[in-house]
Amino acid sequence: MPDRDDDRTELDRELARLAAATARLDTDDRFTEAVLRAAAAADDPLARIAAATADLAPDAAFTEAVVRAATAAPRPARPAMADGIVRSGRAAIVVTALAAAASVLFFLQTQRDVDSAIMASVEAIEAIE
């Protein structure tokens, strides 16, 4: 049975072979334009968006401003332990109340069984006397 690493190495070899075979290929704007024209003929919404934004060019200043703003922004504070306690407090109270009610019911059931056992022994003693 082939190992998973064998599959990866074979995939890596195949990708390397394809990369070597296509290394000398350059992009051709005519191909991109032909694809966009075909999509536009099919009334593709993405083709309309591509045509509407074809004249837009990336602006390095905008990219730098976004990166500066992202790095300058303060990191969000880690939630405090008290926040977790407050959020789970209601559920904890409900679970505790249910556990207390179950304990009381268990106590009453056990007490009734103990009382019955004591009464049975007392009746047996009275019957003997």
Protein backbone atom coordinates (compact mmCIF):
# COMPACT_ATOMS: atom_id res chain seq x y z
CA MET A 1 0.00 0.00 0.00
CA PRO A 2 1.55 3.32 -1.01
CA ASP A 3 2.39 5.69 1.79
CA ARG A 4 0.97 9.18 1.94
CA ASP A 5 4.48 10.61 1.61
CA ASP A 6 4.91 8.65 -1.62
CA ASP A 7 1.79 10.34 -2.99
CA ARG A 8 3.17 13.75 -2.03
CA THR A 9 6.56 13.13 -3.60
CA GLU A 10 4.92 11.91 -6.79
CA LEU A 11 2.70 14.99 -6.82
CA ASP A 12 5.76 17.17 -6.24
CA ARG A 13 7.56 15.46 -9.13
CA GLU A 14 4.55 15.97 -11.41
CA LEU A 15 4.25 19.64 -10.42
CA ALA A 16 7.99 20.15 -11.01
CA ARG A 17 7.66 18.54 -14.44
CA LEU A 18 4.74 20.83 -15.34
CA ALA A 19 6.60 23.87 -13.99
CA ALA A 20 9.62 23.04 -16.14
CA ALA A 21 7.43 22.50 -19.20
CA THR A 22 5.68 25.87 -18.78
CA ALA A 23 8.62 27.92 -17.47
CA ARG A 24 9.21 29.66 -20.82
CA LEU A 25 5.58 30.65 -21.31
CA ASP A 26 4.76 34.33 -21.01
CA THR A 27 1.40 35.90 -20.43
CA ASP A 28 -0.36 37.22 -23.48
CA ASP A 29 -2.78 40.12 -23.04
CA ARG A 30 -4.55 39.07 -26.23
CA PHE A 31 -5.56 35.78 -24.58
CA THR A 32 -6.95 37.62 -21.53
CA GLU A 33 -8.84 40.03 -23.76
CA ALA A 34 -10.26 37.15 -25.80
CA VAL A 35 -11.48 35.41 -22.64
CA LEU A 36 -13.09 38.65 -21.42
CA ARG A 37 -14.76 39.22 -24.79
CA ALA A 38 -16.14 35.67 -24.74
CA ALA A 39 -17.42 36.18 -21.19
CA ALA A 40 -18.98 39.51 -22.18
CA ALA A 41 -20.73 37.83 -25.09
CA ALA A 42 -22.16 35.32 -22.61
CA ASP A 43 -23.43 38.23 -20.46
CA ASP A 44 -21.20 37.22 -17.55
CA PRO A 45 -21.43 39.68 -14.60
CA LEU A 46 -17.73 39.21 -13.88
CA ALA A 47 -16.91 40.29 -17.44
CA ARG A 48 -18.94 43.48 -16.94
CA ILE A 49 -17.03 44.18 -13.74
CA ALA A 50 -13.72 43.46 -15.47
CA ALA A 51 -14.61 45.80 -18.33
CA ALA A 52 -15.72 48.55 -15.95
CA THR A 53 -12.50 48.32 -13.92
CA ALA A 54 -10.08 47.69 -16.81
CA ASP A 55 -8.62 51.21 -16.63
CA LEU A 56 -7.91 51.00 -12.90
CA ALA A 57 -4.30 50.50 -11.92
CA PRO A 58 -2.92 49.54 -8.52
CA ASP A 59 -1.56 52.43 -6.50
CA ALA A 60 1.44 51.69 -4.30
CA ALA A 61 0.64 54.64 -2.03
CA PHE A 62 -2.80 53.22 -1.27
CA THR A 63 -1.34 49.79 -0.48
CA GLU A 64 1.28 51.35 1.79
CA ALA A 65 -1.39 53.41 3.57
CA VAL A 66 -3.48 50.30 4.19
CA VAL A 67 -0.46 48.40 5.55
CA ARG A 68 0.51 51.33 7.79
CA ALA A 69 -3.04 51.60 9.13
CA ALA A 70 -3.22 47.87 9.76
CA THR A 71 0.09 47.78 11.62
CA ALA A 72 -0.60 50.97 13.58
CA ALA A 73 -4.03 49.86 14.77
CA PRO A 74 -4.03 48.63 18.37
CA ARG A 75 -4.50 44.95 18.79
CA PRO A 76 -7.80 43.93 20.30
CA ALA A 77 -7.54 43.24 24.01
CA ARG A 78 -7.69 39.67 25.13
CA PRO A 79 -10.88 38.96 27.03
CA ALA A 80 -10.43 38.87 30.78
CA MET A 81 -11.25 35.77 32.78
CA ALA A 82 -14.06 37.68 34.48
CA ASP A 83 -15.78 38.15 31.10
CA GLY A 84 -16.01 34.39 30.69
CA ILE A 85 -17.34 33.97 34.19
CA VAL A 86 -20.02 36.61 33.65
CA ARG A 87 -21.06 35.04 30.34
CA SER A 88 -21.31 31.55 31.80
CA GLY A 89 -22.70 32.67 35.16
CA ARG A 90 -26.38 32.21 34.29
CA ALA A 91 -25.83 28.69 33.01
CA ALA A 92 -23.78 27.85 36.10
CA ILE A 93 -26.57 29.09 38.39
CA VAL A 94 -29.15 26.99 36.53
CA VAL A 95 -26.96 23.87 36.67
CA THR A 96 -26.22 24.45 40.36
CA ALA A 97 -29.94 24.88 41.14
CA LEU A 98 -30.76 21.65 39.30
CA ALA A 99 -28.00 19.81 41.17
CA ALA A 100 -29.29 21.16 44.50
CA ALA A 101 -32.86 20.08 43.66
CA ALA A 102 -31.64 16.62 42.68
CA SER A 103 -29.67 16.38 45.95
CA VAL A 104 -32.74 17.30 48.01
CA LEU A 105 -34.86 14.72 46.20
CA PHE A 106 -32.16 12.08 46.68
CA PHE A 107 -31.95 12.97 50.37
CA LEU A 108 -35.73 12.70 50.83
CA GLN A 109 -35.84 9.33 49.03
CA THR A 110 -32.94 7.99 51.10
CA GLN A 111 -34.45 9.32 54.34
CA ARG A 112 -37.75 7.59 53.56
CA ASP A 113 -35.89 4.31 52.98
CA VAL A 114 -33.95 4.73 56.24
CA ASP A 115 -37.15 5.55 58.15
CA SER A 116 -38.85 2.49 56.72
CA ALA A 117 -35.91 0.29 57.74
CA ILE A 118 -35.89 1.75 61.27
CA MET A 119 -39.65 1.30 61.65
CA ALA A 120 -39.41 -2.29 60.46
CA SER A 121 -36.76 -3.06 63.09
CA VAL A 122 -38.74 -1.24 65.82
CA GLU A 123 -41.90 -3.22 64.94
CA ALA A 124 -39.90 -6.43 65.04
CA ILE A 125 -38.57 -5.55 68.51
CA GLU A 126 -42.08 -4.64 69.76
CA ALA A 127 -43.47 -7.86 68.39
CA ILE A 128 -40.82 -9.86 70.24
CA GLU A 129 -41.56 -8.14 73.57
